[in-house]
C-alpha atoms as a PDB file:
ATOM      1  CA  MET A   1      -0.911  -4.510  16.932  1.00  0.00           C
ATOM      2  CA  LEU A   2      -0.316  -3.386  13.164  1.00  0.00           C
ATOM      3  CA  ASN A   3       2.681  -1.385  11.823  1.00  0.00           C
ATOM      4  CA  LEU A   4       1.958  -0.627   8.138  1.00  0.00           C
ATOM      5  CA  ILE A   5       4.010   1.568   5.980  1.00  0.00           C
ATOM      6  CA  ILE A   6       2.477   3.124   2.883  1.00  0.00           C
ATOM      7  CA  ALA A   7       4.795   4.307   0.466  1.00  0.00           C
ATOM      8  CA  GLY A   8       4.600   6.053  -3.049  1.00  0.00           C
ATOM      9  CA  VAL A   9       5.235   9.356  -4.666  1.00  0.00           C
ATOM     10  CA  GLY A  10       3.707  12.637  -3.923  1.00  0.00           C
ATOM     11  CA  GLY A  11       0.197  13.044  -5.610  1.00  0.00           C
ATOM     12  CA  GLN A  12      -0.703   9.303  -5.606  1.00  0.00           C
ATOM     13  CA  GLY A  13      -2.712   9.481  -2.342  1.00  0.00           C
ATOM     14  CA  THR A  14      -0.597   7.876   0.036  1.00  0.00           C
ATOM     15  CA  VAL A  15      -1.624  10.317   2.863  1.00  0.00           C
ATOM     16  CA  LEU A  16      -5.607   9.874   2.084  1.00  0.00           C
ATOM     17  CA  LEU A  17      -4.891   6.023   2.072  1.00  0.00           C
ATOM     18  CA  SER A  18      -3.309   6.527   5.743  1.00  0.00           C
ATOM     19  CA  ARG A  19      -6.152   8.362   6.727  1.00  0.00           C
ATOM     20  CA  LEU A  20      -8.565   5.726   5.556  1.00  0.00           C
ATOM     21  CA  VAL A  21      -6.848   3.399   7.387  1.00  0.00           C
ATOM     22  CA  GLY A  22      -6.986   5.583  10.619  1.00  0.00           C
ATOM     23  CA  GLN A  23     -10.802   6.167  10.385  1.00  0.00           C
ATOM     24  CA  ALA A  24     -11.682   2.611  10.089  1.00  0.00           C
ATOM     25  CA  ALA A  25      -9.258   1.437  13.138  1.00  0.00           C
ATOM     26  CA  LEU A  26     -10.557   4.067  15.366  1.00  0.00           C
ATOM     27  CA  ASP A  27     -13.700   3.244  14.531  1.00  0.00           C
ATOM     28  CA  LYS A  28     -13.273  -0.057  15.777  1.00  0.00           C
ATOM     29  CA  GLY A  29     -11.933   1.133  18.964  1.00  0.00           C
ATOM     30  CA  PHE A  30      -7.916   0.696  18.501  1.00  0.00           C
ATOM     31  CA  ASP A  31      -5.390   3.465  19.271  1.00  0.00           C
ATOM     32  CA  ILE A  32      -3.995   5.134  16.422  1.00  0.00           C
ATOM     33  CA  ARG A  33      -0.275   6.597  15.859  1.00  0.00           C
ATOM     34  CA  GLY A  34       1.224   7.702  12.509  1.00  0.00           C
ATOM     35  CA  SER A  35       3.499   9.990  11.151  1.00  0.00           C
ATOM     36  CA  GLU A  36       4.030  11.163   7.248  1.00  0.00           C
ATOM     37  CA  THR A  37       7.260  12.524   5.076  1.00  0.00           C
ATOM     38  CA  ILE A  38       5.520  14.598   3.022  1.00  0.00           C
ATOM     39  CA  GLY A  39       7.754  17.432   2.071  1.00  0.00           C
ATOM     40  CA  MET A  40       8.879  16.072  -1.048  1.00  0.00           C
ATOM     41  CA  ALA A  41       5.110  15.331  -2.284  1.00  0.00           C
ATOM     42  CA  GLN A  42       4.697  18.831  -4.289  1.00  0.00           C
ATOM     43  CA  ARG A  43       8.078  18.076  -5.908  1.00  0.00           C
ATOM     44  CA  GLY A  44       7.166  14.443  -7.190  1.00  0.00           C
ATOM     45  CA  GLY A  45       9.169  12.865  -4.430  1.00  0.00           C
ATOM     46  CA  SER A  46       8.965   9.841  -2.043  1.00  0.00           C
ATOM     47  CA  VAL A  47       5.895   9.919   0.204  1.00  0.00           C
ATOM     48  CA  VAL A  48       6.084   7.686   3.331  1.00  0.00           C
ATOM     49  CA  SER A  49       3.289   7.152   5.788  1.00  0.00           C
ATOM     50  CA  HIS A  50       3.846   5.064   9.107  1.00  0.00           C
ATOM     51  CA  VAL A  51       0.625   4.059  10.829  1.00  0.00           C
ATOM     52  CA  ARG A  52       0.131   2.237  13.915  1.00  0.00           C
ATOM     53  CA  VAL A  53      -2.669   0.525  15.224  1.00  0.00           C
ATOM     54  CA  GLY A  54      -3.316  -1.292  18.590  1.00  0.00           C
ATOM     55  CA  ALA A  55      -3.243  -0.498  22.290  1.00  0.00           C
ATOM     56  CA  ASP A  56      -0.823   1.466  24.022  1.00  0.00           C
ATOM     57  CA  ILE A  57       1.318   2.710  21.228  1.00  0.00           C
ATOM     58  CA  HIS A  58       3.696   5.458  22.386  1.00  0.00           C
ATOM     59  CA  SER A  59       5.726   6.351  19.345  1.00  0.00           C
ATOM     60  CA  PRO A  60       4.245   7.043  15.958  1.00  0.00           C
ATOM     61  CA  LEU A  61       7.346   5.610  13.868  1.00  0.00           C
ATOM     62  CA  ILE A  62       8.188   2.135  12.522  1.00  0.00           C
ATOM     63  CA  PRO A  63      11.562   1.128  13.064  1.00  0.00           C
ATOM     64  CA  PRO A  64      13.465  -1.178  10.403  1.00  0.00           C
ATOM     65  CA  LYS A  65      11.966  -4.977  10.323  1.00  0.00           C
ATOM     66  CA  GLY A  66       9.005  -3.704  12.362  1.00  0.00           C
ATOM     67  CA  ALA A  67       6.130  -3.248   9.528  1.00  0.00           C
ATOM     68  CA  GLY A  68       3.785  -6.649   9.245  1.00  0.00           C
ATOM     69  CA  LEU A  69       2.337  -4.563   6.338  1.00  0.00           C
ATOM     70  CA  ILE A  70       3.593  -2.445   3.273  1.00  0.00           C
ATOM     71  CA  ILE A  71       1.555  -0.822   0.839  1.00  0.00           C
ATOM     72  CA  ALA A  72       3.724   0.634  -2.233  1.00  0.00           C
ATOM     73  CA  PHE A  73       1.934   2.513  -5.134  1.00  0.00           C
ATOM     74  CA  GLU A  74       4.914   1.748  -7.480  1.00  0.00           C
ATOM     75  CA  PRO A  75       7.915  -0.843  -7.386  1.00  0.00           C
ATOM     76  CA  GLY A  76      10.615   1.642  -6.798  1.00  0.00           C
ATOM     77  CA  GLU A  77       8.730   2.921  -3.645  1.00  0.00           C
ATOM     78  CA  ALA A  78       8.462  -0.740  -2.578  1.00  0.00           C
ATOM     79  CA  VAL A  79      11.802  -1.500  -2.887  1.00  0.00           C
ATOM     80  CA  ARG A  80      12.998   1.675  -0.896  1.00  0.00           C
ATOM     81  CA  ALA A  81      10.477   0.806   1.951  1.00  0.00           C
ATOM     82  CA  LEU A  82      11.552  -2.963   1.977  1.00  0.00           C
ATOM     83  CA  PRO A  83      13.900  -2.625   4.913  1.00  0.00           C
ATOM     84  CA  PHE A  84      10.683  -1.916   6.865  1.00  0.00           C
ATOM     85  CA  LEU A  85       9.378  -5.147   6.439  1.00  0.00           C
ATOM     86  CA  SER A  86       9.470  -7.736   9.210  1.00  0.00           C
ATOM     87  CA  ALA A  87      10.759 -11.219   8.101  1.00  0.00           C
ATOM     88  CA  ASP A  88       6.958 -12.568   8.088  1.00  0.00           C
ATOM     89  CA  GLY A  89       5.450  -9.417   6.697  1.00  0.00           C
ATOM     90  CA  ALA A  90       3.383  -9.031   3.648  1.00  0.00           C
ATOM     91  CA  MET A  91       3.537  -6.325   0.720  1.00  0.00           C
ATOM     92  CA  VAL A  92       0.786  -5.052  -1.447  1.00  0.00           C
ATOM     93  CA  VAL A  93       2.212  -3.189  -4.610  1.00  0.00           C
ATOM     94  CA  PHE A  94       0.933  -1.364  -7.752  1.00  0.00           C
ATOM     95  CA  ASP A  95       3.225  -2.600 -10.572  1.00  0.00           C
ATOM     96  CA  ARG A  96       3.146   0.551 -12.675  1.00  0.00           C
ATOM     97  CA  PRO A  97       6.172   2.665 -11.982  1.00  0.00           C
ATOM     98  CA  VAL A  98       6.326   6.388 -11.267  1.00  0.00           C
ATOM     99  CA  HIS A  99       9.767   8.022 -11.508  1.00  0.00           C
ATOM    100  CA  ALA A 100      10.237   9.890  -8.235  1.00  0.00           C
ATOM    101  CA  ALA A 101      12.396  12.933  -8.393  1.00  0.00           C
ATOM    102  CA  SER A 102      14.310  11.101  -5.532  1.00  0.00           C
ATOM    103  CA  GLY A 103      15.784   8.579  -8.228  1.00  0.00           C
ATOM    104  CA  ALA A 104      16.016   4.872  -8.155  1.00  0.00           C
ATOM    105  CA  PRO A 105      16.502   3.445  -4.604  1.00  0.00           C
ATOM    106  CA  ASP A 106      19.756   2.188  -5.614  1.00  0.00           C
ATOM    107  CA  GLY A 107      21.011   5.067  -7.212  1.00  0.00           C
ATOM    108  CA  GLY A 108      21.142   3.554 -10.813  1.00  0.00           C
ATOM    109  CA  ALA A 109      18.700   3.584 -13.533  1.00  0.00           C
ATOM    110  CA  TYR A 110      15.261   2.860 -13.091  1.00  0.00           C
ATOM    111  CA  ASP A 111      13.947  -0.575 -13.940  1.00  0.00           C
ATOM    112  CA  ALA A 112      10.582  -1.516 -12.807  1.00  0.00           C
ATOM    113  CA  ALA A 113      10.871  -5.516 -14.199  1.00  0.00           C
ATOM    114  CA  ALA A 114      14.031  -5.684 -11.996  1.00  0.00           C
ATOM    115  CA  MET A 115      12.629  -4.118  -8.989  1.00  0.00           C
ATOM    116  CA  LEU A 116       9.584  -6.584  -9.419  1.00  0.00           C
ATOM    117  CA  ALA A 117      11.635  -9.677  -9.700  1.00  0.00           C
ATOM    118  CA  TYR A 118      13.806  -8.280  -6.578  1.00  0.00           C
ATOM    119  CA  LEU A 119      10.572  -8.069  -4.274  1.00  0.00           C
ATOM    120  CA  ARG A 120       9.452 -11.291  -5.700  1.00  0.00           C
ATOM    121  CA  ALA A 121      12.633 -12.964  -4.420  1.00  0.00           C
ATOM    122  CA  GLN A 122      12.752 -11.092  -0.934  1.00  0.00           C
ATOM    123  CA  VAL A 123       9.226 -11.244   0.054  1.00  0.00           C
ATOM    124  CA  GLY A 124       7.399 -14.129   0.775  1.00  0.00           C
ATOM    125  CA  ARG A 125       3.960 -12.812   1.200  1.00  0.00           C
ATOM    126  CA  LEU A 126       3.975 -10.460  -1.971  1.00  0.00           C
ATOM    127  CA  THR A 127       0.736  -9.404  -3.868  1.00  0.00           C
ATOM    128  CA  VAL A 128       1.161  -7.396  -7.149  1.00  0.00           C
ATOM    129  CA  VAL A 129      -1.980  -5.696  -8.554  1.00  0.00           C
ATOM    130  CA  GLU A 130      -1.554  -5.362 -12.357  1.00  0.00           C
ATOM    131  CA  GLY A 131      -1.819  -1.706 -13.709  1.00  0.00           C
ATOM    132  CA  ALA A 132      -3.773  -1.757 -16.927  1.00  0.00           C
ATOM    133  CA  ARG A 133      -6.672  -3.620 -15.543  1.00  0.00           C
ATOM    134  CA  ALA A 134      -6.858  -1.772 -12.322  1.00  0.00           C
ATOM    135  CA  LEU A 135      -6.619   1.537 -14.186  1.00  0.00           C
ATOM    136  CA  ALA A 136      -9.499   0.640 -16.162  1.00  0.00           C
ATOM    137  CA  ALA A 137     -11.677  -0.650 -13.611  1.00  0.00           C
ATOM    138  CA  CYS A 138     -11.210   2.110 -11.012  1.00  0.00           C
ATOM    139  CA  GLY A 139     -11.471   4.607 -13.659  1.00  0.00           C
ATOM    140  CA  GLY A 140      -8.027   6.083 -13.449  1.00  0.00           C
ATOM    141  CA  ALA A 141      -5.127   6.280 -11.010  1.00  0.00           C
ATOM    142  CA  LYS A 142      -6.707   8.554  -8.584  1.00  0.00           C
ATOM    143  CA  ALA A 143      -8.758   5.593  -6.837  1.00  0.00           C
ATOM    144  CA  ILE A 144      -5.982   3.135  -7.311  1.00  0.00           C
ATOM    145  CA  ASN A 145      -4.938   4.069  -3.409  1.00  0.00           C
ATOM    146  CA  VAL A 146      -8.786   2.847  -2.528  1.00  0.00           C
ATOM    147  CA  ALA A 147      -8.032  -0.461  -4.834  1.00  0.00           C
ATOM    148  CA  LEU A 148      -4.816  -1.493  -2.686  1.00  0.00           C
ATOM    149  CA  LEU A 149      -6.838  -0.750   0.694  1.00  0.00           C
ATOM    150  CA  GLY A 150      -9.286  -3.342  -0.856  1.00  0.00           C
ATOM    151  CA  VAL A 151      -7.116  -5.798  -1.414  1.00  0.00           C
ATOM    152  CA  ALA A 152      -5.723  -5.656   2.266  1.00  0.00           C
ATOM    153  CA  ALA A 153      -8.933  -5.171   3.995  1.00  0.00           C
ATOM    154  CA  ALA A 154     -10.287  -8.322   2.050  1.00  0.00           C
ATOM    155  CA  GLY A 155      -7.242 -10.033   2.174  1.00  0.00           C
ATOM    156  CA  GLY A 156      -6.989 -10.135   6.295  1.00  0.00           C
ATOM    157  CA  LEU A 157      -3.993  -7.963   6.199  1.00  0.00           C
ATOM    158  CA  LEU A 158      -5.707  -5.065   8.192  1.00  0.00           C
ATOM    159  CA  PRO A 159      -7.287  -5.366  11.763  1.00  0.00           C
ATOM    160  CA  PHE A 160     -10.382  -4.320  10.042  1.00  0.00           C
ATOM    161  CA  ASP A 161     -12.698  -5.808   7.234  1.00  0.00           C
ATOM    162  CA  LEU A 162     -14.162  -4.886   4.083  1.00  0.00           C
ATOM    163  CA  ALA A 163     -17.354  -3.298   5.343  1.00  0.00           C
ATOM    164  CA  ASP A 164     -15.259  -1.175   8.032  1.00  0.00           C
ATOM    165  CA  ALA A 165     -13.107   0.218   4.770  1.00  0.00           C
ATOM    166  CA  GLU A 166     -16.487   0.968   3.322  1.00  0.00           C
ATOM    167  CA  ARG A 167     -17.735   2.783   6.190  1.00  0.00           C
ATOM    168  CA  ALA A 168     -14.233   5.033   6.454  1.00  0.00           C
ATOM    169  CA  LEU A 169     -14.778   5.876   2.648  1.00  0.00           C
ATOM    170  CA  ARG A 170     -18.292   7.064   2.959  1.00  0.00           C
ATOM    171  CA  ALA A 171     -16.721   9.437   6.462  1.00  0.00           C
ATOM    172  CA  ARG A 172     -14.023  10.704   4.029  1.00  0.00           C
ATOM    173  CA  ILE A 173     -14.697  10.712   0.414  1.00  0.00           C
ATOM    174  CA  PRO A 174     -16.842  13.774  -1.058  1.00  0.00           C
ATOM    175  CA  ALA A 175     -20.365  12.329  -2.450  1.00  0.00           C
ATOM    176  CA  ARG A 176     -19.124  13.349  -6.142  1.00  0.00           C
ATOM    177  CA  LEU A 177     -16.254  11.024  -5.553  1.00  0.00           C
ATOM    178  CA  LEU A 178     -17.812   8.128  -3.655  1.00  0.00           C
ATOM    179  CA  ASP A 179     -19.311   5.980  -6.212  1.00  0.00           C
ATOM    180  CA  MET A 180     -15.824   5.751  -8.135  1.00  0.00           C
ATOM    181  CA  ASN A 181     -14.003   4.956  -4.790  1.00  0.00           C
ATOM    182  CA  LEU A 182     -16.723   2.073  -3.600  1.00  0.00           C
ATOM    183  CA  ARG A 183     -16.043   0.385  -7.237  1.00  0.00           C
ATOM    184  CA  ALA A 184     -12.206   0.561  -6.611  1.00  0.00           C
ATOM    185  CA  LEU A 185     -12.674  -0.789  -3.209  1.00  0.00           C
ATOM    186  CA  ALA A 186     -14.966  -3.784  -4.605  1.00  0.00           C
ATOM    187  CA  TYR A 187     -12.064  -4.422  -7.413  1.00  0.00           C
ATOM    188  CA  GLY A 188      -9.434  -4.474  -4.447  1.00  0.00           C
ATOM    189  CA  ALA A 189     -11.276  -7.042  -2.800  1.00  0.00           C
ATOM    190  CA  SER A 190     -11.900  -9.113  -5.779  1.00  0.00           C
ATOM    191  CA  LEU A 191      -8.185  -9.067  -6.129  1.00  0.00           C
ATOM    192  CA  ALA A 192      -7.854 -10.519  -2.374  1.00  0.00           C
ATOM    193  CA  ASP A 193     -10.160 -13.378  -3.695  1.00  0.00           C
ATOM    194  CA  GLY A 194      -7.490 -14.582  -6.150  1.00  0.00           C
ATOM    195  CA  THR A 195      -8.505 -13.169  -9.645  1.00  0.00           C
ATOM    196  CA  PRO A 196      -5.557 -14.460 -11.585  1.00  0.00           C
ATOM    197  CA  ALA A 197      -6.011 -12.347 -14.755  1.00  0.00           C
ATOM    198  CA  ASP A 198      -5.590  -8.806 -12.245  1.00  0.00           C
ATOM    199  CA  ALA A 199      -3.136 -10.099  -9.492  1.00  0.00           C
ATOM    200  CA  TYR A 200      -1.214 -12.745  -8.291  1.00  0.00           C
ATOM    201  CA  THR A 201       0.274 -13.539  -4.874  1.00  0.00           C
ATOM    202  CA  ASP A 202       3.679 -15.082  -4.448  1.00  0.00           C
ATOM    203  CA  THR A 203       3.458 -16.958  -0.911  1.00  0.00           C
ATOM    204  CA  ASP A 204       6.743 -19.291  -1.462  1.00  0.00           C
ATOM    205  CA  ALA A 205       9.200 -16.990  -3.516  1.00  0.00           C
ATOM    206  CA  PRO A 206      12.701 -17.940  -3.329  1.00  0.00           C
ATOM    207  CA  ARG A 207      14.767 -15.532  -0.960  1.00  0.00           C
ATOM    208  CA  GLY A 208      17.505 -14.099  -3.293  1.00  0.00           C
ATOM    209  CA  ASP A 209      20.163 -11.401  -3.853  1.00  0.00           C
ATOM    210  CA  ARG A 210      19.354  -7.798  -5.128  1.00  0.00           C
ATOM    211  CA  PRO A 211      20.294  -7.302  -8.704  1.00  0.00           C
END
């Protein structure tokens, strides 16, 4: 079973990513349950999707410490979602900050660098995708969600592979946007292969206290 949290800000494509994951998992014969908090999306607030993949799943919601994977579209939302991550769970984070209408996770000033440092100290399996190169490779922010899908699928973090993710893209993405999204998927997959200039994975990060 996979319990996946997708966290971002309204307009970043979190709901589409959950649909792509669901499509790929359904095509593999898995049961799917999911839930989204999208009421704040049009106001630039936090958006969180719960996606559960497996067999005999009854509840769509993931409990705290129950997520094996978190995909986060920006550092603040990654920190906000962190209580859901299991002790041995993995996280994929895009490093470009977006200041949500709901504010910083701790109610203080938004400091993306501090949040990334906190994540490195807390998460043993962390992949951070560097923004400028990703935006250039993906043709802008609209396809970053698919790049993060590529990281997770090629990195073995999902119950399907990159080819399955591509099939889901072809089924869900309009033809006029397909080429851009296929490039983004391939770019994300290249990061999972360990391209050092674009992403880094902290597998033995020390545990620390929240700043």
